[in-house]
Amino acid sequence: MKVLITGGTGLIGTRLAEMLIDSGYEVALLSREPAKSGHFQSFRWDPKAGTIDEAAIPYADYIVSLAGASVADGKWTDERKRDIMTSRLGGLALLSRELAKPGHHVQAVISASAVGIYGDAGEKLVDEETPPALPTHDFLADVSHQWELAAAPIAALGIRTVIPRIGVVLSTAGGALPQIAKPVKLGAGAALGSGKQYMSWIHLDDLCRLFIAMLEDPAWRGTYNAVAPYPVTNQAFTEVLAEVLHRPLILPKVPAFGLKLAMGEMSDIVLASQNVSAKKVLAQGFAFEYPQLRGALEALYGAG
């Protein structure tokens, strides 16, 4: 079976491609710069211009849509926010346009979203039935909500569409964890803000295994929280990370106002609280290799 990945050179796409190959799939990437796509077959597309290699969609049995500018790279200027939004919506608009044409055999599309859709939900446990946060007050909620709406035309074509709402992805290769671990390794680790805000996280390998389960089993359809079953507070996360890295936590908490000064609106990434339920994914029969934070971090940094 052939899987076409958009955003395939990012943190998730790179690992997913490896794990798909190991599971016997063929993989190709949709890329604006195919020459940089490494050893994978790749097709050129340009969502901004609305162009795509006409052989791309007919190649695929499945499509995994991960394309989107990182929310963590640089301050959220107006231009940056536009890029974060349009890089997600443009790719899906192009995919839905192409999937509406005859002559392909795509069985399912996985279209990424994020737990940011729930906004700052405090301690309240949220699940897939929880309505999206009001987008007027929350940029990440707005992005996630628009991202999901952009996948709706694909589902309307009758193609099985699965939308994983992804939490904080744990990997030493990129994403949030190396940024969080850096001060801890230097002996300068501290909880952020009140430390009481919940972090809903998932080990990168569990996320990729979840994606493969979503491809393989037609029972997966609609939205699912792609998070481990045991979210933790920022304080608990920082403490467990320090223990795994064998570093002390000496400093007091980093005050929220300091983070807002330093990061601007982007501080929402670390200060918003999302206590997200994994019950629906578990009910579908998915078994996490790393359900607990300590096990996930020990797997990444070594238990010794």
C-alpha atoms as a PDB file:
ATOM      1  CA  MET A   1       0.000   0.000   0.000  1.00  0.00           C
ATOM      2  CA  LYS A   2       1.239   3.478  -0.875  1.00  0.00           C
ATOM      3  CA  VAL A   3       1.140   6.421   1.524  1.00  0.00           C
ATOM      4  CA  LEU A   4       1.573  10.026   0.393  1.00  0.00           C
ATOM      5  CA  ILE A   5       2.674  12.416   3.159  1.00  0.00           C
ATOM      6  CA  THR A   6       2.480  16.210   3.134  1.00  0.00           C
ATOM      7  CA  GLY A   7       4.807  17.871   5.621  1.00  0.00           C
ATOM      8  CA  GLY A   8       6.882  14.716   5.390  1.00  0.00           C
ATOM      9  CA  THR A   9      10.208  16.374   6.219  1.00  0.00           C
ATOM     10  CA  GLY A  10       9.023  17.666   9.608  1.00  0.00           C
ATOM     11  CA  LEU A  11       9.483  15.928  12.964  1.00  0.00           C
ATOM     12  CA  ILE A  12       6.368  13.736  12.745  1.00  0.00           C
ATOM     13  CA  GLY A  13       6.515  13.094   8.995  1.00  0.00           C
ATOM     14  CA  THR A  14      10.155  11.968   9.072  1.00  0.00           C
ATOM     15  CA  ARG A  15       9.556   9.369  11.796  1.00  0.00           C
ATOM     16  CA  LEU A  16       6.207   8.280  10.333  1.00  0.00           C
ATOM     17  CA  ALA A  17       7.826   7.640   6.933  1.00  0.00           C
ATOM     18  CA  GLU A  18      10.496   5.445   8.590  1.00  0.00           C
ATOM     19  CA  MET A  19       7.910   3.459  10.558  1.00  0.00           C
ATOM     20  CA  LEU A  20       5.662   3.014   7.510  1.00  0.00           C
ATOM     21  CA  ILE A  21       8.596   1.641   5.488  1.00  0.00           C
ATOM     22  CA  ASP A  22       9.411  -0.741   8.374  1.00  0.00           C
ATOM     23  CA  SER A  23       5.753  -1.874   8.322  1.00  0.00           C
ATOM     24  CA  GLY A  24       5.945  -2.718   4.607  1.00  0.00           C
ATOM     25  CA  TYR A  25       4.358   0.379   3.072  1.00  0.00           C
ATOM     26  CA  GLU A  26       5.665   2.409   0.174  1.00  0.00           C
ATOM     27  CA  VAL A  27       6.028   6.098   0.989  1.00  0.00           C
ATOM     28  CA  ALA A  28       6.205   9.253  -1.123  1.00  0.00           C
ATOM     29  CA  LEU A  29       6.274  12.885  -0.053  1.00  0.00           C
ATOM     30  CA  LEU A  30       4.531  15.970  -1.384  1.00  0.00           C
ATOM     31  CA  SER A  31       7.117  18.728  -1.222  1.00  0.00           C
ATOM     32  CA  ARG A  32       7.732  22.243  -2.523  1.00  0.00           C
ATOM     33  CA  GLU A  33      11.398  21.232  -2.950  1.00  0.00           C
ATOM     34  CA  PRO A  34      11.485  17.538  -3.950  1.00  0.00           C
ATOM     35  CA  ALA A  35      15.299  17.592  -4.220  1.00  0.00           C
ATOM     36  CA  LYS A  36      15.465  18.023  -0.424  1.00  0.00           C
ATOM     37  CA  SER A  37      13.197  15.067   0.351  1.00  0.00           C
ATOM     38  CA  GLY A  38      16.072  12.648   0.942  1.00  0.00           C
ATOM     39  CA  HIS A  39      15.753   9.077  -0.199  1.00  0.00           C
ATOM     40  CA  PHE A  40      11.962   9.085  -0.592  1.00  0.00           C
ATOM     41  CA  GLN A  41      10.144   9.442  -3.872  1.00  0.00           C
ATOM     42  CA  SER A  42       8.619  12.894  -3.928  1.00  0.00           C
ATOM     43  CA  PHE A  43       6.154  14.910  -5.951  1.00  0.00           C
ATOM     44  CA  ARG A  44       6.268  18.686  -6.289  1.00  0.00           C
ATOM     45  CA  TRP A  45       3.400  20.838  -5.078  1.00  0.00           C
ATOM     46  CA  ASP A  46       2.964  24.496  -4.234  1.00  0.00           C
ATOM     47  CA  PRO A  47      -0.170  25.138  -2.163  1.00  0.00           C
ATOM     48  CA  LYS A  48       0.267  28.926  -2.425  1.00  0.00           C
ATOM     49  CA  ALA A  49       0.236  28.745  -6.222  1.00  0.00           C
ATOM     50  CA  GLY A  50      -2.351  25.934  -6.241  1.00  0.00           C
ATOM     51  CA  THR A  51      -0.133  23.617  -8.312  1.00  0.00           C
ATOM     52  CA  ILE A  52       0.572  19.913  -7.842  1.00  0.00           C
ATOM     53  CA  ASP A  53       2.257  17.141  -9.833  1.00  0.00           C
ATOM     54  CA  GLU A  54      -0.648  15.402 -11.583  1.00  0.00           C
ATOM     55  CA  ALA A  55       0.859  11.978 -10.762  1.00  0.00           C
ATOM     56  CA  ALA A  56       0.792  12.599  -6.978  1.00  0.00           C
ATOM     57  CA  ILE A  57      -2.801  11.814  -5.989  1.00  0.00           C
ATOM     58  CA  PRO A  58      -3.177   8.802  -8.372  1.00  0.00           C
ATOM     59  CA  TYR A  59      -0.052   7.322  -6.662  1.00  0.00           C
ATOM     60  CA  ALA A  60      -1.661   7.086  -3.233  1.00  0.00           C
ATOM     61  CA  ASP A  61      -3.791   4.558  -1.386  1.00  0.00           C
ATOM     62  CA  TYR A  62      -3.625   6.786   1.690  1.00  0.00           C
ATOM     63  CA  ILE A  63      -2.730  10.421   2.367  1.00  0.00           C
ATOM     64  CA  VAL A  64      -1.374  11.825   5.628  1.00  0.00           C
ATOM     65  CA  SER A  65      -1.630  15.626   5.751  1.00  0.00           C
ATOM     66  CA  LEU A  66       0.826  17.170   8.209  1.00  0.00           C
ATOM     67  CA  ALA A  67       1.830  20.292   6.256  1.00  0.00           C
ATOM     68  CA  GLY A  68       1.891  23.545   8.194  1.00  0.00           C
ATOM     69  CA  ALA A  69       4.392  26.135   9.391  1.00  0.00           C
ATOM     70  CA  SER A  70       5.624  25.470  12.934  1.00  0.00           C
ATOM     71  CA  VAL A  71       3.843  27.480  15.629  1.00  0.00           C
ATOM     72  CA  ALA A  72       7.035  27.509  17.735  1.00  0.00           C
ATOM     73  CA  ASP A  73       9.489  29.045  15.243  1.00  0.00           C
ATOM     74  CA  GLY A  74       9.770  32.741  15.970  1.00  0.00           C
ATOM     75  CA  LYS A  75       7.451  35.363  17.446  1.00  0.00           C
ATOM     76  CA  TRP A  76       3.871  35.590  16.270  1.00  0.00           C
ATOM     77  CA  THR A  77       3.984  38.693  14.124  1.00  0.00           C
ATOM     78  CA  ASP A  78       0.921  39.302  11.949  1.00  0.00           C
ATOM     79  CA  GLU A  79       2.851  37.932   8.984  1.00  0.00           C
ATOM     80  CA  ARG A  80       3.935  34.833  10.920  1.00  0.00           C
ATOM     81  CA  LYS A  81       0.370  34.157  12.068  1.00  0.00           C
ATOM     82  CA  ARG A  82      -0.857  34.455   8.476  1.00  0.00           C
ATOM     83  CA  ASP A  83       1.785  31.929   7.407  1.00  0.00           C
ATOM     84  CA  ILE A  84       0.836  29.496  10.201  1.00  0.00           C
ATOM     85  CA  MET A  85      -2.808  29.639   9.102  1.00  0.00           C
ATOM     86  CA  THR A  86      -2.484  29.672   5.302  1.00  0.00           C
ATOM     87  CA  SER A  87       0.179  26.937   5.207  1.00  0.00           C
ATOM     88  CA  ARG A  88      -2.391  24.582   6.738  1.00  0.00           C
ATOM     89  CA  LEU A  89      -5.489  25.653   4.863  1.00  0.00           C
ATOM     90  CA  GLY A  90      -3.859  25.999   1.438  1.00  0.00           C
ATOM     91  CA  GLY A  91      -2.546  22.442   1.400  1.00  0.00           C
ATOM     92  CA  LEU A  92      -5.912  20.954   2.366  1.00  0.00           C
ATOM     93  CA  ALA A  93      -7.747  23.081  -0.198  1.00  0.00           C
ATOM     94  CA  LEU A  94      -5.408  21.757  -2.896  1.00  0.00           C
ATOM     95  CA  LEU A  95      -5.819  18.147  -1.728  1.00  0.00           C
ATOM     96  CA  SER A  96      -9.615  18.381  -1.651  1.00  0.00           C
ATOM     97  CA  ARG A  97      -9.651  19.920  -5.133  1.00  0.00           C
ATOM     98  CA  GLU A  98      -7.559  17.044  -6.507  1.00  0.00           C
ATOM     99  CA  LEU A  99      -9.457  14.338  -4.596  1.00  0.00           C
ATOM    100  CA  ALA A 100     -12.716  15.587  -6.152  1.00  0.00           C
ATOM    101  CA  LYS A 101     -11.368  14.522  -9.561  1.00  0.00           C
ATOM    102  CA  PRO A 102     -11.859  10.962 -10.845  1.00  0.00           C
ATOM    103  CA  GLY A 103      -8.992   8.543 -11.463  1.00  0.00           C
ATOM    104  CA  HIS A 104      -7.561   8.028  -7.970  1.00  0.00           C
ATOM    105  CA  HIS A 105      -7.922   5.225  -5.419  1.00  0.00           C
ATOM    106  CA  VAL A 106      -7.359   7.059  -2.121  1.00  0.00           C
ATOM    107  CA  GLN A 107      -9.062   5.064   0.640  1.00  0.00           C
ATOM    108  CA  ALA A 108      -8.440   7.350   3.609  1.00  0.00           C
ATOM    109  CA  VAL A 109      -6.969  10.713   4.570  1.00  0.00           C
ATOM    110  CA  ILE A 110      -5.456  11.512   7.964  1.00  0.00           C
ATOM    111  CA  SER A 111      -5.551  15.268   8.461  1.00  0.00           C
ATOM    112  CA  ALA A 112      -3.655  16.590  11.466  1.00  0.00           C
ATOM    113  CA  SER A 113      -5.105  18.981  14.016  1.00  0.00           C
ATOM    114  CA  ALA A 114      -4.019  19.973  17.526  1.00  0.00           C
ATOM    115  CA  VAL A 115      -5.306  19.992  21.107  1.00  0.00           C
ATOM    116  CA  GLY A 116      -4.973  23.776  20.867  1.00  0.00           C
ATOM    117  CA  ILE A 117      -8.567  23.639  19.610  1.00  0.00           C
ATOM    118  CA  TYR A 118      -9.694  23.411  23.269  1.00  0.00           C
ATOM    119  CA  GLY A 119      -8.029  26.714  24.204  1.00  0.00           C
ATOM    120  CA  ASP A 120      -7.019  27.307  27.819  1.00  0.00           C
ATOM    121  CA  ALA A 121      -9.390  24.858  29.502  1.00  0.00           C
ATOM    122  CA  GLY A 122      -7.929  24.941  33.026  1.00  0.00           C
ATOM    123  CA  GLU A 123      -8.270  21.695  35.004  1.00  0.00           C
ATOM    124  CA  LYS A 124     -11.426  20.569  33.192  1.00  0.00           C
ATOM    125  CA  LEU A 125     -11.015  17.243  31.359  1.00  0.00           C
ATOM    126  CA  VAL A 126     -11.853  17.841  27.696  1.00  0.00           C
ATOM    127  CA  ASP A 127     -12.766  15.260  25.064  1.00  0.00           C
ATOM    128  CA  GLU A 128     -13.785  15.117  21.410  1.00  0.00           C
ATOM    129  CA  GLU A 129     -17.318  16.282  22.306  1.00  0.00           C
ATOM    130  CA  THR A 130     -16.001  19.482  23.942  1.00  0.00           C
ATOM    131  CA  PRO A 131     -16.745  22.451  21.641  1.00  0.00           C
ATOM    132  CA  PRO A 132     -13.764  24.401  20.272  1.00  0.00           C
ATOM    133  CA  ALA A 133     -12.625  27.411  22.296  1.00  0.00           C
ATOM    134  CA  LEU A 134     -13.842  30.779  21.056  1.00  0.00           C
ATOM    135  CA  PRO A 135     -11.344  31.590  18.301  1.00  0.00           C
ATOM    136  CA  THR A 136     -11.618  35.356  18.764  1.00  0.00           C
ATOM    137  CA  HIS A 137      -9.561  35.167  21.961  1.00  0.00           C
ATOM    138  CA  ASP A 138      -7.205  32.334  21.093  1.00  0.00           C
ATOM    139  CA  PHE A 139      -5.029  32.095  17.995  1.00  0.00           C
ATOM    140  CA  LEU A 140      -4.110  28.400  18.452  1.00  0.00           C
ATOM    141  CA  ALA A 141      -7.768  27.473  18.929  1.00  0.00           C
ATOM    142  CA  ASP A 142      -8.632  29.406  15.774  1.00  0.00           C
ATOM    143  CA  VAL A 143      -5.863  27.713  13.753  1.00  0.00           C
ATOM    144  CA  SER A 144      -6.896  24.224  14.911  1.00  0.00           C
ATOM    145  CA  HIS A 145     -10.582  24.907  14.268  1.00  0.00           C
ATOM    146  CA  GLN A 146      -9.971  26.277  10.751  1.00  0.00           C
ATOM    147  CA  TRP A 147      -7.596  23.354  10.066  1.00  0.00           C
ATOM    148  CA  GLU A 148     -10.368  20.868  10.876  1.00  0.00           C
ATOM    149  CA  LEU A 149     -12.957  22.774   8.845  1.00  0.00           C
ATOM    150  CA  ALA A 150     -10.571  22.669   5.865  1.00  0.00           C
ATOM    151  CA  ALA A 151     -10.618  18.852   5.979  1.00  0.00           C
ATOM    152  CA  ALA A 152     -14.437  18.710   5.860  1.00  0.00           C
ATOM    153  CA  PRO A 153     -14.679  18.893   2.024  1.00  0.00           C
ATOM    154  CA  ILE A 154     -12.537  15.725   1.808  1.00  0.00           C
ATOM    155  CA  ALA A 155     -14.916  13.858   4.139  1.00  0.00           C
ATOM    156  CA  ALA A 156     -17.838  15.237   2.091  1.00  0.00           C
ATOM    157  CA  LEU A 157     -16.424  13.400  -0.953  1.00  0.00           C
ATOM    158  CA  GLY A 158     -17.082  10.125   0.888  1.00  0.00           C
ATOM    159  CA  ILE A 159     -13.379   9.490   1.600  1.00  0.00           C
ATOM    160  CA  ARG A 160     -12.773   8.180   5.119  1.00  0.00           C
ATOM    161  CA  THR A 161     -11.219  11.108   6.973  1.00  0.00           C
ATOM    162  CA  VAL A 162      -9.517  10.866  10.364  1.00  0.00           C
ATOM    163  CA  ILE A 163      -8.525  13.964  12.338  1.00  0.00           C
ATOM    164  CA  PRO A 164      -6.024  13.378  15.165  1.00  0.00           C
ATOM    165  CA  ARG A 165      -5.840  16.285  17.607  1.00  0.00           C
ATOM    166  CA  ILE A 166      -2.165  16.102  18.470  1.00  0.00           C
ATOM    167  CA  GLY A 167      -0.765  17.032  21.895  1.00  0.00           C
ATOM    168  CA  VAL A 168       2.828  17.966  22.808  1.00  0.00           C
ATOM    169  CA  VAL A 169       4.932  15.485  20.806  1.00  0.00           C
ATOM    170  CA  LEU A 170       7.891  14.148  22.785  1.00  0.00           C
ATOM    171  CA  SER A 171      11.082  13.532  20.819  1.00  0.00           C
ATOM    172  CA  THR A 172      14.727  14.466  21.281  1.00  0.00           C
ATOM    173  CA  ALA A 173      14.930  15.172  17.532  1.00  0.00           C
ATOM    174  CA  GLY A 174      12.835  18.351  17.643  1.00  0.00           C
ATOM    175  CA  GLY A 175       9.592  19.912  18.792  1.00  0.00           C
ATOM    176  CA  ALA A 176       9.034  21.211  22.319  1.00  0.00           C
ATOM    177  CA  LEU A 177      11.034  18.727  24.409  1.00  0.00           C
ATOM    178  CA  PRO A 178      14.603  19.856  23.564  1.00  0.00           C
ATOM    179  CA  GLN A 179      13.554  23.447  24.342  1.00  0.00           C
ATOM    180  CA  ILE A 180      12.060  22.415  27.693  1.00  0.00           C
ATOM    181  CA  ALA A 181      15.043  20.171  28.528  1.00  0.00           C
ATOM    182  CA  LYS A 182      17.754  22.723  27.709  1.00  0.00           C
ATOM    183  CA  PRO A 183      17.463  24.820  30.918  1.00  0.00           C
ATOM    184  CA  VAL A 184      16.908  21.661  33.001  1.00  0.00           C
ATOM    185  CA  LYS A 185      20.157  20.167  31.689  1.00  0.00           C
ATOM    186  CA  LEU A 186      21.936  23.404  32.638  1.00  0.00           C
ATOM    187  CA  GLY A 187      20.578  23.155  36.180  1.00  0.00           C
ATOM    188  CA  ALA A 188      18.288  26.116  35.517  1.00  0.00           C
ATOM    189  CA  GLY A 189      14.998  24.263  35.029  1.00  0.00           C
ATOM    190  CA  ALA A 190      11.785  25.667  36.472  1.00  0.00           C
ATOM    191  CA  ALA A 191       8.054  25.264  36.095  1.00  0.00           C
ATOM    192  CA  LEU A 192       6.437  27.896  33.858  1.00  0.00           C
ATOM    193  CA  GLY A 193       3.765  30.287  35.073  1.00  0.00           C
ATOM    194  CA  SER A 194       1.708  28.754  37.894  1.00  0.00           C
ATOM    195  CA  GLY A 195       2.986  25.278  36.952  1.00  0.00           C
ATOM    196  CA  LYS A 196      -0.601  24.071  37.376  1.00  0.00           C
ATOM    197  CA  GLN A 197      -1.432  24.149  33.674  1.00  0.00           C
ATOM    198  CA  TYR A 198      -1.931  20.699  32.153  1.00  0.00           C
ATOM    199  CA  MET A 199       0.264  19.364  29.358  1.00  0.00           C
ATOM    200  CA  SER A 200      -1.273  16.657  27.195  1.00  0.00           C
ATOM    201  CA  TRP A 201       1.670  14.892  25.586  1.00  0.00           C
ATOM    202  CA  ILE A 202       2.424  11.851  23.400  1.00  0.00           C
ATOM    203  CA  HIS A 203       5.671  10.017  22.558  1.00  0.00           C
ATOM    204  CA  LEU A 204       6.515  10.456  18.862  1.00  0.00           C
ATOM    205  CA  ASP A 205       6.590   6.689  18.237  1.00  0.00           C
ATOM    206  CA  ASP A 206       3.163   6.214  19.840  1.00  0.00           C
ATOM    207  CA  LEU A 207       1.797   8.999  17.630  1.00  0.00           C
ATOM    208  CA  CYS A 208       3.178   7.325  14.499  1.00  0.00           C
ATOM    209  CA  ARG A 209       1.839   3.912  15.592  1.00  0.00           C
ATOM    210  CA  LEU A 210      -1.544   5.577  16.136  1.00  0.00           C
ATOM    211  CA  PHE A 211      -1.437   7.027  12.611  1.00  0.00           C
ATOM    212  CA  ILE A 212      -0.679   3.581  11.168  1.00  0.00           C
ATOM    213  CA  ALA A 213      -3.605   2.089  13.138  1.00  0.00           C
ATOM    214  CA  MET A 214      -5.838   4.845  11.725  1.00  0.00           C
ATOM    215  CA  LEU A 215      -4.737   3.973   8.184  1.00  0.00           C
ATOM    216  CA  GLU A 216      -5.153   0.224   8.563  1.00  0.00           C
ATOM    217  CA  ASP A 217      -8.508  -0.042  10.355  1.00  0.00           C
ATOM    218  CA  PRO A 218     -11.574   1.416   8.579  1.00  0.00           C
ATOM    219  CA  ALA A 219     -13.297   1.794  11.977  1.00  0.00           C
ATOM    220  CA  TRP A 220     -11.268   4.959  12.599  1.00  0.00           C
ATOM    221  CA  ARG A 221     -13.225   7.965  11.334  1.00  0.00           C
ATOM    222  CA  GLY A 222     -13.678  11.548  12.566  1.00  0.00           C
ATOM    223  CA  THR A 223     -11.811  13.298  15.383  1.00  0.00           C
ATOM    224  CA  TYR A 224      -9.592  11.651  18.022  1.00  0.00           C
ATOM    225  CA  ASN A 225      -7.368  13.107  20.711  1.00  0.00           C
ATOM    226  CA  ALA A 226      -3.830  11.953  19.895  1.00  0.00           C
ATOM    227  CA  VAL A 227      -2.512  12.169  23.456  1.00  0.00           C
ATOM    228  CA  ALA A 228      -1.226   9.697  26.049  1.00  0.00           C
ATOM    229  CA  PRO A 229      -3.748   8.655  28.746  1.00  0.00           C
ATOM    230  CA  TYR A 230      -2.011  10.481  31.618  1.00  0.00           C
ATOM    231  CA  PRO A 231      -1.615  14.240  31.110  1.00  0.00           C
ATOM    232  CA  VAL A 232       0.496  16.017  33.748  1.00  0.00           C
ATOM    233  CA  THR A 233       0.820  19.550  35.045  1.00  0.00           C
ATOM    234  CA  ASN A 234       3.745  21.654  33.867  1.00  0.00           C
ATOM    235  CA  GLN A 235       5.206  21.435  37.395  1.00  0.00           C
ATOM    236  CA  ALA A 236       5.018  17.616  37.368  1.00  0.00           C
ATOM    237  CA  PHE A 237       6.446  17.459  33.841  1.00  0.00           C
ATOM    238  CA  THR A 238       9.426  19.611  34.856  1.00  0.00           C
ATOM    239  CA  GLU A 239      10.039  17.540  38.011  1.00  0.00           C
ATOM    240  CA  VAL A 240       9.937  14.174  36.210  1.00  0.00           C
ATOM    241  CA  LEU A 241      12.177  15.504  33.423  1.00  0.00           C
ATOM    242  CA  ALA A 242      14.715  16.763  35.995  1.00  0.00           C
ATOM    243  CA  GLU A 243      14.707  13.364  37.729  1.00  0.00           C
ATOM    244  CA  VAL A 244      15.211  11.492  34.453  1.00  0.00           C
ATOM    245  CA  LEU A 245      18.054  13.867  33.521  1.00  0.00           C
ATOM    246  CA  HIS A 246      19.509  13.646  37.078  1.00  0.00           C
ATOM    247  CA  ARG A 247      19.432  17.412  37.505  1.00  0.00           C
ATOM    248  CA  PRO A 248      18.230  19.458  40.481  1.00  0.00           C
ATOM    249  CA  LEU A 249      15.392  21.980  40.248  1.00  0.00           C
ATOM    250  CA  ILE A 250      16.608  24.982  42.201  1.00  0.00           C
ATOM    251  CA  LEU A 251      14.902  27.967  40.625  1.00  0.00           C
ATOM    252  CA  PRO A 252      11.446  29.276  41.507  1.00  0.00           C
ATOM    253  CA  LYS A 253       8.737  29.162  38.856  1.00  0.00           C
ATOM    254  CA  VAL A 254       9.176  31.408  35.814  1.00  0.00           C
ATOM    255  CA  PRO A 255       6.434  34.031  36.224  1.00  0.00           C
ATOM    256  CA  ALA A 256       3.742  34.177  33.549  1.00  0.00           C
ATOM    257  CA  PHE A 257       4.214  37.935  33.020  1.00  0.00           C
ATOM    258  CA  GLY A 258       7.917  37.338  32.232  1.00  0.00           C
ATOM    259  CA  LEU A 259       7.029  34.718  29.646  1.00  0.00           C
ATOM    260  CA  LYS A 260       4.446  37.037  28.096  1.00  0.00           C
ATOM    261  CA  LEU A 261       7.041  39.799  27.886  1.00  0.00           C
ATOM    262  CA  ALA A 262       9.605  37.492  26.298  1.00  0.00           C
ATOM    263  CA  MET A 263       7.311  35.501  23.983  1.00  0.00           C
ATOM    264  CA  GLY A 264       4.277  37.718  23.452  1.00  0.00           C
ATOM    265  CA  GLU A 265       1.110  35.900  22.404  1.00  0.00           C
ATOM    266  CA  MET A 266       3.224  32.801  21.676  1.00  0.00           C
ATOM    267  CA  SER A 267       3.447  32.246  25.464  1.00  0.00           C
ATOM    268  CA  ASP A 268      -0.008  30.616  25.064  1.00  0.00           C
ATOM    269  CA  ILE A 269       1.863  27.508  23.883  1.00  0.00           C
ATOM    270  CA  VAL A 270       3.338  26.950  27.353  1.00  0.00           C
ATOM    271  CA  LEU A 271       0.814  28.722  29.604  1.00  0.00           C
ATOM    272  CA  ALA A 272      -2.510  27.370  28.265  1.00  0.00           C
ATOM    273  CA  SER A 273      -3.846  24.356  30.176  1.00  0.00           C
ATOM    274  CA  GLN A 274      -5.226  21.361  28.261  1.00  0.00           C
ATOM    275  CA  ASN A 275      -6.232  18.295  30.262  1.00  0.00           C
ATOM    276  CA  VAL A 276      -7.191  16.118  27.293  1.00  0.00           C
ATOM    277  CA  SER A 277      -8.871  12.708  27.444  1.00  0.00           C
ATOM    278  CA  ALA A 278      -7.489   9.733  25.500  1.00  0.00           C
ATOM    279  CA  LYS A 279     -10.577   7.628  26.259  1.00  0.00           C
ATOM    280  CA  LYS A 280     -11.867   7.508  22.669  1.00  0.00           C
ATOM    281  CA  VAL A 281      -8.519   6.290  21.267  1.00  0.00           C
ATOM    282  CA  LEU A 282      -8.286   3.639  24.031  1.00  0.00           C
ATOM    283  CA  ALA A 283     -11.877   2.547  23.364  1.00  0.00           C
ATOM    284  CA  GLN A 284     -10.930   2.006  19.716  1.00  0.00           C
ATOM    285  CA  GLY A 285      -8.411  -0.581  20.934  1.00  0.00           C
ATOM    286  CA  PHE A 286      -5.151   1.370  20.617  1.00  0.00           C
ATOM    287  CA  ALA A 287      -2.477   0.336  23.141  1.00  0.00           C
ATOM    288  CA  PHE A 288       0.127   2.930  24.095  1.00  0.00           C
ATOM    289  CA  GLU A 289       3.720   1.811  24.418  1.00  0.00           C
ATOM    290  CA  TYR A 290       4.382   4.868  26.605  1.00  0.00           C
ATOM    291  CA  PRO A 291       1.227   5.704  28.581  1.00  0.00           C
ATOM    292  CA  GLN A 292       3.159   7.303  31.485  1.00  0.00           C
ATOM    293  CA  LEU A 293       5.447  10.329  31.221  1.00  0.00           C
ATOM    294  CA  ARG A 294       8.377   8.819  33.141  1.00  0.00           C
ATOM    295  CA  GLY A 295       8.529   5.791  30.822  1.00  0.00           C
ATOM    296  CA  ALA A 296       8.361   8.021  27.758  1.00  0.00           C
ATOM    297  CA  LEU A 297      11.165  10.296  28.962  1.00  0.00           C
ATOM    298  CA  GLU A 298      13.333   7.345  30.074  1.00  0.00           C
ATOM    299  CA  ALA A 299      12.903   5.810  26.615  1.00  0.00           C
ATOM    300  CA  LEU A 300      14.092   9.077  25.055  1.00  0.00           C
ATOM    301  CA  TYR A 301      16.931   9.940  27.434  1.00  0.00           C
ATOM    302  CA  GLY A 302      17.895   6.497  28.772  1.00  0.00           C
ATOM    303  CA  ALA A 303      16.777   5.183  32.149  1.00  0.00           C
ATOM    304  CA  GLY A 304      20.351   5.329  33.509  1.00  0.00           C
END
